[in-house]
Structure formats: C-alpha cells, structure tokens
C-alpha cells in the first residue's frame, strides 16, 4: 500500500467527526432547554404580577388588596407549573388611602427564584431570580376603606 493511498483512506473519519460533534450538539440542546425554562419562568412571573395587581385594584381596603394580590400571584404561579425555590410577593397599598375622586394605583411585585442546576449545563448558574412588577389603577370613584 502506497503512502498516497493511505492519505486518501477515509476509514474512521465519520467516527471521529461524531465524537467531536456529539458533545457540541448536546451542549446546544441543553442551552436551548435552559433558555426555554428561563423564558417560561419570566412569562409566568410577569403574568403573576399583572394578575395580582389587577386583583388588588378591585378590592376596597389595603389589607384585603394585599391578601387578594398575594393569593392571585400564588395561584397564577401554580397554574403555570412554575416551581420556585423561593418566592416573594408585595402589593403597595398606599393608593387605598387616597381621597375619592383622586387618581390612585396599586403595584404588585412578584419575585421567584428558579432552579437551573438540574439542567447540567457547565457554566450555568444554579438558580436565576426573576422579578416583575405591574401597576393597576384603582377606580377613582369607588369607595375605599
């Protein structure tokens, strides 16, 4: 067998290419999964904040607004199937002390820490914290307590 013939022999090249490309394809797939989980979690936290602010704005007192907003945020996160390692909910109630006829609003803030360590992508942080706030107007001519 001549040297020129050996240089043209491609046996084993496909195996070598597979060994090189397979880990790269797995890393790309894991990156897509991680970005999908982050995007989905971000959307769920946005929806929770938006619905919590709306639920709070429909109440008549600051105390009931805070309770309604937190319950709504928990409900939305559960409906979305988001598993948070820690959560935080806050609803501003200062708008409920405004006089009737004055514009007022309430803001709900939802924070959720999502676990990413189970994805197994090297360099990916173990958790990511998502925070979203949404403001909803309180009816200016509705009686407040």
N, C-alpha and C. Protein backbone atom coordinates (compact mmCIF):
# COMPACT_ATOMS: atom_id res chain seq x y z
N UNK A 1 0.85 -1.17 0.00
CA UNK A 1 0.00 0.00 0.00
C UNK A 1 0.90 1.24 0.00
N UNK A 2 0.65 2.13 -0.91
CA UNK A 2 1.49 3.31 -1.04
C UNK A 2 1.05 4.39 -0.06
N UNK A 3 1.92 5.34 0.14
CA UNK A 3 1.64 6.46 1.05
C UNK A 3 0.48 7.30 0.52
N UNK A 4 0.42 7.51 -0.76
CA UNK A 4 -0.67 8.30 -1.36
C UNK A 4 -2.01 7.62 -1.12
N UNK A 5 -2.04 6.31 -1.18
CA UNK A 5 -3.28 5.57 -0.96
C UNK A 5 -3.72 5.68 0.50
N UNK A 6 -2.78 5.64 1.43
CA UNK A 6 -3.10 5.78 2.86
C UNK A 6 -3.64 7.17 3.18
N UNK A 7 -3.11 8.17 2.57
CA UNK A 7 -3.56 9.54 2.83
C UNK A 7 -4.99 9.76 2.34
N UNK A 8 -5.41 9.03 1.31
CA UNK A 8 -6.76 9.17 0.78
C UNK A 8 -7.77 8.28 1.50
N UNK A 9 -7.32 7.41 2.35
CA UNK A 9 -8.21 6.48 3.05
C UNK A 9 -9.00 7.24 4.12
N UNK A 10 -10.34 7.20 4.03
CA UNK A 10 -11.20 7.96 4.94
C UNK A 10 -11.81 7.08 6.02
N UNK A 11 -11.38 5.85 6.16
CA UNK A 11 -11.97 4.99 7.18
C UNK A 11 -11.76 5.59 8.56
N UNK A 12 -12.82 5.63 9.34
CA UNK A 12 -12.75 6.15 10.71
C UNK A 12 -13.01 7.65 10.81
N UNK A 13 -13.09 8.36 9.69
CA UNK A 13 -13.30 9.81 9.72
C UNK A 13 -14.68 10.15 10.26
N UNK A 14 -15.69 9.36 9.88
CA UNK A 14 -17.04 9.61 10.36
C UNK A 14 -17.14 9.42 11.87
N UNK A 15 -16.49 8.42 12.39
CA UNK A 15 -16.48 8.19 13.84
C UNK A 15 -15.82 9.35 14.56
N UNK A 16 -14.73 9.83 14.01
CA UNK A 16 -14.03 10.95 14.62
C UNK A 16 -14.89 12.21 14.61
N UNK A 17 -15.56 12.46 13.50
CA UNK A 17 -16.45 13.62 13.42
C UNK A 17 -17.59 13.50 14.43
N UNK A 18 -18.15 12.32 14.58
CA UNK A 18 -19.23 12.12 15.54
C UNK A 18 -18.76 12.35 16.96
N UNK A 19 -17.57 11.89 17.29
CA UNK A 19 -17.02 12.08 18.63
C UNK A 19 -16.81 13.56 18.92
N UNK A 20 -16.45 14.31 17.93
CA UNK A 20 -16.22 15.75 18.12
C UNK A 20 -17.55 16.52 18.17
N UNK A 21 -18.49 16.19 17.29
CA UNK A 21 -19.73 16.95 17.18
C UNK A 21 -20.78 16.58 18.22
N UNK A 22 -20.82 15.35 18.67
CA UNK A 22 -21.86 14.92 19.61
C UNK A 22 -21.89 15.76 20.89
N UNK A 23 -20.76 15.97 21.58
CA UNK A 23 -20.82 16.82 22.78
C UNK A 23 -21.26 18.25 22.49
N UNK A 24 -20.88 18.78 21.35
CA UNK A 24 -21.29 20.14 20.98
C UNK A 24 -22.81 20.20 20.79
N UNK A 25 -23.36 19.20 20.14
CA UNK A 25 -24.81 19.16 19.93
C UNK A 25 -25.55 19.01 21.25
N UNK A 26 -25.03 18.22 22.16
CA UNK A 26 -25.65 18.07 23.48
C UNK A 26 -25.63 19.40 24.24
N UNK A 27 -24.51 20.12 24.19
CA UNK A 27 -24.42 21.41 24.87
C UNK A 27 -25.40 22.42 24.28
N UNK A 28 -25.56 22.42 22.97
CA UNK A 28 -26.52 23.32 22.33
C UNK A 28 -27.94 22.97 22.76
N UNK A 29 -28.25 21.68 22.82
CA UNK A 29 -29.57 21.24 23.26
C UNK A 29 -29.83 21.67 24.71
N UNK A 30 -28.86 21.50 25.58
CA UNK A 30 -29.02 21.92 26.98
C UNK A 30 -29.18 23.43 27.09
N UNK A 31 -28.48 24.17 26.25
CA UNK A 31 -28.62 25.63 26.26
C UNK A 31 -30.03 26.03 25.83
N UNK A 32 -30.59 25.36 24.85
CA UNK A 32 -31.96 25.64 24.41
C UNK A 32 -32.94 25.34 25.54
N UNK A 33 -32.74 24.24 26.25
CA UNK A 33 -33.61 23.89 27.38
C UNK A 33 -33.51 24.96 28.47
N UNK A 34 -32.30 25.41 28.79
CA UNK A 34 -32.10 26.43 29.82
C UNK A 34 -32.77 27.74 29.42
N UNK A 35 -32.58 28.17 28.19
CA UNK A 35 -33.20 29.43 27.74
C UNK A 35 -34.72 29.31 27.71
N UNK A 36 -35.23 28.15 27.35
CA UNK A 36 -36.67 27.93 27.36
C UNK A 36 -37.24 28.00 28.76
N UNK A 37 -36.53 27.40 29.72
CA UNK A 37 -37.00 27.44 31.11
C UNK A 37 -36.97 28.86 31.65
N UNK A 38 -35.93 29.61 31.33
CA UNK A 38 -35.83 30.99 31.80
C UNK A 38 -36.94 31.85 31.18
N UNK A 39 -37.17 31.69 29.88
CA UNK A 39 -38.23 32.45 29.21
C UNK A 39 -39.61 32.11 29.75
N UNK A 40 -39.87 30.84 29.96
CA UNK A 40 -41.15 30.41 30.50
C UNK A 40 -41.36 30.94 31.92
N UNK A 41 -40.32 30.88 32.73
CA UNK A 41 -40.41 31.39 34.10
C UNK A 41 -40.64 32.90 34.10
N UNK A 42 -39.98 33.60 33.22
CA UNK A 42 -40.14 35.05 33.13
C UNK A 42 -41.58 35.41 32.75
N UNK A 43 -42.15 34.67 31.80
CA UNK A 43 -43.54 34.91 31.40
C UNK A 43 -44.51 34.62 32.55
N UNK A 44 -44.26 33.55 33.30
CA UNK A 44 -45.13 33.19 34.42
C UNK A 44 -45.08 34.25 35.51
N UNK A 45 -43.89 34.77 35.81
CA UNK A 45 -43.75 35.81 36.84
C UNK A 45 -44.42 37.11 36.37
N UNK A 46 -44.29 37.44 35.10
CA UNK A 46 -44.99 38.62 34.56
C UNK A 46 -46.51 38.47 34.70
N UNK A 47 -47.03 37.31 34.34
CA UNK A 47 -48.47 37.07 34.44
C UNK A 47 -48.94 37.13 35.88
N UNK A 48 -48.13 36.59 36.80
CA UNK A 48 -48.50 36.62 38.22
C UNK A 48 -48.55 38.06 38.73
N UNK A 49 -47.58 38.88 38.37
CA UNK A 49 -47.57 40.28 38.81
C UNK A 49 -48.74 41.05 38.22
N UNK A 50 -49.01 40.84 36.96
CA UNK A 50 -50.11 41.54 36.29
C UNK A 50 -51.46 41.17 36.92
N UNK A 51 -51.69 39.88 37.11
CA UNK A 51 -52.97 39.44 37.70
C UNK A 51 -53.09 39.83 39.16
N UNK A 52 -51.98 39.83 39.89
CA UNK A 52 -52.00 40.23 41.30
C UNK A 52 -52.35 41.71 41.43
N UNK A 53 -51.77 42.54 40.58
CA UNK A 53 -52.08 43.98 40.63
C UNK A 53 -53.55 44.23 40.29
N UNK A 54 -54.04 43.51 39.31
CA UNK A 54 -55.45 43.69 38.93
C UNK A 54 -56.38 43.23 40.04
N UNK A 55 -56.07 42.09 40.65
CA UNK A 55 -56.91 41.59 41.75
C UNK A 55 -56.87 42.55 42.93
N UNK A 56 -55.71 43.10 43.23
CA UNK A 56 -55.59 44.05 44.34
C UNK A 56 -56.37 45.33 44.05
N UNK A 57 -56.35 45.79 42.82
CA UNK A 57 -57.02 47.05 42.49
C UNK A 57 -58.55 46.95 42.59
N UNK A 58 -59.07 45.76 42.59
CA UNK A 58 -60.53 45.57 42.68
C UNK A 58 -61.04 45.55 44.12
N UNK A 59 -60.14 45.53 45.08
CA UNK A 59 -60.53 45.48 46.50
C UNK A 59 -60.82 46.89 47.01
N UNK A 60 -61.43 46.94 48.21
CA UNK A 60 -61.81 48.24 48.80
C UNK A 60 -60.84 48.72 49.87
N UNK A 61 -60.07 47.82 50.47
CA UNK A 61 -59.13 48.22 51.53
C UNK A 61 -57.73 47.73 51.19
N UNK A 62 -56.75 48.38 51.80
CA UNK A 62 -55.36 47.99 51.58
C UNK A 62 -55.07 46.58 52.06
N UNK A 63 -55.63 46.20 53.20
CA UNK A 63 -55.40 44.86 53.74
C UNK A 63 -55.96 43.77 52.84
N UNK A 64 -57.19 43.97 52.38
CA UNK A 64 -57.79 42.97 51.50
C UNK A 64 -57.11 42.97 50.14
N UNK A 65 -56.60 44.13 49.72
CA UNK A 65 -55.89 44.21 48.44
C UNK A 65 -54.58 43.41 48.51
N UNK A 66 -53.87 43.55 49.60
CA UNK A 66 -52.62 42.81 49.77
C UNK A 66 -52.86 41.31 49.78
N UNK A 67 -53.89 40.89 50.52
CA UNK A 67 -54.23 39.47 50.58
C UNK A 67 -54.66 38.94 49.22
N UNK A 68 -55.54 39.67 48.54
CA UNK A 68 -56.03 39.23 47.23
C UNK A 68 -54.90 39.16 46.21
N UNK A 69 -54.01 40.13 46.24
CA UNK A 69 -52.89 40.15 45.30
C UNK A 69 -51.94 38.98 45.51
N UNK A 70 -51.63 38.70 46.78
CA UNK A 70 -50.72 37.58 47.07
C UNK A 70 -51.36 36.24 46.71
N UNK A 71 -52.66 36.09 47.01
CA UNK A 71 -53.34 34.85 46.65
C UNK A 71 -53.37 34.65 45.14
N UNK A 72 -53.62 35.72 44.41
CA UNK A 72 -53.67 35.63 42.95
C UNK A 72 -52.30 35.28 42.39
N UNK A 73 -51.25 35.90 42.91
CA UNK A 73 -49.90 35.61 42.41
C UNK A 73 -49.54 34.14 42.65
N UNK A 74 -49.84 33.63 43.84
CA UNK A 74 -49.57 32.21 44.12
C UNK A 74 -50.36 31.30 43.18
N UNK A 75 -51.61 31.65 42.98
CA UNK A 75 -52.48 30.87 42.11
C UNK A 75 -51.94 30.81 40.67
N UNK A 76 -51.52 31.95 40.15
CA UNK A 76 -51.01 32.00 38.78
C UNK A 76 -49.72 31.20 38.66
N UNK A 77 -48.81 31.34 39.63
CA UNK A 77 -47.57 30.56 39.57
C UNK A 77 -47.85 29.06 39.62
N UNK A 78 -48.83 28.66 40.44
CA UNK A 78 -49.20 27.24 40.49
C UNK A 78 -49.83 26.78 39.18
N UNK A 79 -50.71 27.60 38.61
CA UNK A 79 -51.35 27.24 37.33
C UNK A 79 -50.32 27.12 36.21
N UNK A 80 -49.30 27.96 36.26
CA UNK A 80 -48.26 27.92 35.23
C UNK A 80 -47.29 26.76 35.45
N UNK A 81 -47.38 26.12 36.61
CA UNK A 81 -46.50 24.99 36.91
C UNK A 81 -45.07 25.40 37.23
N UNK A 82 -44.89 26.63 37.65
CA UNK A 82 -43.55 27.12 37.95
C UNK A 82 -43.15 26.71 39.36
N UNK A 83 -42.05 26.00 39.47
CA UNK A 83 -41.54 25.56 40.77
C UNK A 83 -40.46 26.55 41.21
N UNK A 84 -40.80 27.42 42.15
CA UNK A 84 -39.86 28.40 42.66
C UNK A 84 -39.19 27.85 43.92
N UNK A 85 -37.88 28.03 44.02
CA UNK A 85 -37.21 27.63 45.26
C UNK A 85 -37.49 28.63 46.36
N UNK A 86 -37.74 29.88 46.00
CA UNK A 86 -38.19 30.89 46.96
C UNK A 86 -39.04 31.91 46.20
N UNK A 87 -40.03 32.44 46.89
CA UNK A 87 -40.91 33.44 46.28
C UNK A 87 -41.09 34.61 47.22
N UNK A 88 -41.42 35.73 46.64
CA UNK A 88 -41.70 36.94 47.41
C UNK A 88 -42.81 37.70 46.68
N UNK A 89 -43.80 38.16 47.44
CA UNK A 89 -44.91 38.92 46.88
C UNK A 89 -45.07 40.20 47.68
N UNK A 90 -45.24 41.31 47.00
CA UNK A 90 -45.56 42.55 47.71
C UNK A 90 -46.58 43.33 46.90
N UNK A 91 -47.49 43.97 47.61
CA UNK A 91 -48.52 44.78 46.99
C UNK A 91 -48.53 46.13 47.69
N UNK A 92 -48.33 47.20 46.94
CA UNK A 92 -48.37 48.54 47.54
C UNK A 92 -49.82 48.91 47.78
N UNK A 93 -50.08 49.42 48.97
CA UNK A 93 -51.47 49.75 49.33
C UNK A 93 -51.67 51.23 49.61
N UNK A 94 -50.68 52.06 49.32
CA UNK A 94 -50.79 53.49 49.60
C UNK A 94 -51.93 54.14 48.83
N UNK A 95 -52.24 53.65 47.66
CA UNK A 95 -53.31 54.24 46.85
C UNK A 95 -54.68 54.12 47.48
N UNK A 96 -54.85 53.18 48.40
CA UNK A 96 -56.16 53.00 49.04
C UNK A 96 -56.45 54.08 50.08
N UNK A 97 -55.45 54.88 50.43
CA UNK A 97 -55.68 55.97 51.38
C UNK A 97 -56.00 57.29 50.66
N UNK A 98 -55.96 57.27 49.35
CA UNK A 98 -56.28 58.49 48.58
C UNK A 98 -57.78 58.80 48.71
N UNK A 99 -58.11 60.07 48.62
CA UNK A 99 -59.50 60.51 48.69
C UNK A 99 -60.26 60.07 47.44
N UNK A 100 -61.56 59.87 47.61
CA UNK A 100 -62.39 59.51 46.46
C UNK A 100 -62.33 60.64 45.45
N UNK A 101 -62.16 60.29 44.20
CA UNK A 101 -62.04 61.27 43.13
C UNK A 101 -60.60 61.52 42.72
N UNK A 102 -59.65 61.15 43.58
CA UNK A 102 -58.23 61.31 43.25
C UNK A 102 -57.73 60.05 42.56
N UNK A 103 -56.90 60.21 41.53
CA UNK A 103 -56.34 59.03 40.87
C UNK A 103 -55.42 58.28 41.84
N UNK A 104 -55.51 56.97 41.80
CA UNK A 104 -54.67 56.14 42.66
C UNK A 104 -54.36 54.83 41.95
N UNK A 105 -53.33 54.18 42.41
CA UNK A 105 -52.97 52.90 41.79
C UNK A 105 -52.33 52.00 42.84
N UNK A 106 -52.19 50.75 42.49
CA UNK A 106 -51.51 49.77 43.33
C UNK A 106 -50.52 49.02 42.46
N UNK A 107 -49.41 48.65 43.03
CA UNK A 107 -48.37 47.93 42.30
C UNK A 107 -48.09 46.61 42.99
N UNK A 108 -48.07 45.56 42.20
CA UNK A 108 -47.73 44.23 42.71
C UNK A 108 -46.36 43.85 42.17
N UNK A 109 -45.52 43.32 43.05
CA UNK A 109 -44.19 42.85 42.67
C UNK A 109 -44.08 41.38 43.06
N UNK A 110 -43.67 40.56 42.11
CA UNK A 110 -43.51 39.13 42.32
C UNK A 110 -42.05 38.77 42.02
N UNK A 111 -41.44 38.04 42.94
CA UNK A 111 -40.07 37.56 42.76
C UNK A 111 -40.07 36.05 42.94
N UNK A 112 -39.42 35.37 42.02
CA UNK A 112 -39.35 33.90 42.05
C UNK A 112 -37.93 33.48 41.69
N UNK A 113 -37.36 32.60 42.48
CA UNK A 113 -36.05 32.05 42.18
C UNK A 113 -36.25 30.66 41.58
N UNK A 114 -35.76 30.48 40.35
CA UNK A 114 -35.94 29.25 39.60
C UNK A 114 -34.64 28.44 39.63
N UNK A 115 -34.78 27.14 39.86
CA UNK A 115 -33.61 26.26 39.91
C UNK A 115 -33.22 25.86 38.49
N UNK A 116 -31.93 26.01 38.18
CA UNK A 116 -31.39 25.62 36.88
C UNK A 116 -30.33 24.54 37.01
N UNK A 117 -29.98 24.18 38.22
CA UNK A 117 -28.87 23.24 38.44
C UNK A 117 -29.17 21.85 37.91
N UNK A 118 -30.45 21.50 37.75
CA UNK A 118 -30.79 20.16 37.26
C UNK A 118 -30.59 20.02 35.75
N UNK A 119 -30.34 21.11 35.04
CA UNK A 119 -30.12 21.04 33.59
C UNK A 119 -28.75 20.44 33.29
N UNK A 120 -27.76 20.75 34.11
CA UNK A 120 -26.43 20.15 33.95
C UNK A 120 -25.57 20.80 32.89
N UNK A 121 -25.83 22.03 32.57
CA UNK A 121 -25.02 22.75 31.58
C UNK A 121 -23.85 23.42 32.29
N UNK A 122 -22.63 23.10 31.90
CA UNK A 122 -21.47 23.72 32.55
C UNK A 122 -21.49 25.24 32.40
N UNK A 123 -21.20 25.93 33.48
CA UNK A 123 -21.17 27.39 33.47
C UNK A 123 -22.50 28.04 33.75
N UNK A 124 -23.57 27.26 33.81
CA UNK A 124 -24.90 27.80 34.08
C UNK A 124 -25.05 27.97 35.59
N UNK A 125 -25.55 29.13 36.04
CA UNK A 125 -25.72 29.30 37.49
C UNK A 125 -26.76 28.31 38.03
N UNK A 126 -26.69 28.00 39.31
CA UNK A 126 -27.61 27.05 39.91
C UNK A 126 -29.04 27.55 39.99
N UNK A 127 -29.21 28.87 40.12
CA UNK A 127 -30.54 29.47 40.19
C UNK A 127 -30.55 30.79 39.44
N UNK A 128 -31.75 31.23 39.10
CA UNK A 128 -31.93 32.55 38.48
C UNK A 128 -33.15 33.18 39.13
N UNK A 129 -33.02 34.42 39.54
CA UNK A 129 -34.11 35.13 40.20
C UNK A 129 -34.82 36.02 39.18
N UNK A 130 -36.14 35.83 39.10
CA UNK A 130 -36.98 36.61 38.19
C UNK A 130 -37.83 37.55 39.04
N UNK A 131 -37.90 38.81 38.64
CA UNK A 131 -38.73 39.78 39.34
C UNK A 131 -39.54 40.56 38.32
N UNK A 132 -40.81 40.76 38.64
CA UNK A 132 -41.67 41.53 37.76
C UNK A 132 -42.62 42.38 38.60
N UNK A 133 -42.89 43.58 38.13
CA UNK A 133 -43.83 44.49 38.79
C UNK A 133 -44.86 44.96 37.77
N UNK A 134 -46.06 45.18 38.27
CA UNK A 134 -47.12 45.68 37.41
C UNK A 134 -47.99 46.62 38.23
N UNK A 135 -48.41 47.71 37.62
CA UNK A 135 -49.24 48.71 38.29
C UNK A 135 -50.63 48.71 37.67
N UNK A 136 -51.63 48.75 38.54
CA UNK A 136 -53.02 48.79 38.08
C UNK A 136 -53.73 49.95 38.77
N UNK A 137 -54.54 50.64 38.02
CA UNK A 137 -55.28 51.79 38.56
C UNK A 137 -56.41 51.33 39.47
N UNK A 138 -56.62 52.11 40.52
CA UNK A 138 -57.76 51.90 41.41
C UNK A 138 -58.85 52.84 40.96
N UNK A 139 -60.07 52.36 40.89
CA UNK A 139 -61.21 53.19 40.46
C UNK A 139 -61.28 54.43 41.35
N UNK A 140 -61.17 55.59 40.74
CA UNK A 140 -61.14 56.85 41.50
C UNK A 140 -62.44 57.14 42.23
N UNK A 141 -63.56 56.61 41.76
CA UNK A 141 -64.84 56.94 42.36
C UNK A 141 -65.46 55.79 43.13
N UNK A 142 -64.65 54.80 43.42
CA UNK A 142 -65.11 53.68 44.21
C UNK A 142 -64.77 53.93 45.68
N UNK A 143 -65.71 53.62 46.55
CA UNK A 143 -65.50 53.85 47.99
C UNK A 143 -64.34 52.97 48.47
N UNK A 144 -63.49 53.57 49.29
CA UNK A 144 -62.35 52.84 49.85
C UNK A 144 -62.42 52.89 51.36
N UNK A 145 -61.86 51.85 51.97
CA UNK A 145 -61.91 51.80 53.44
C UNK A 145 -60.62 52.14 54.09
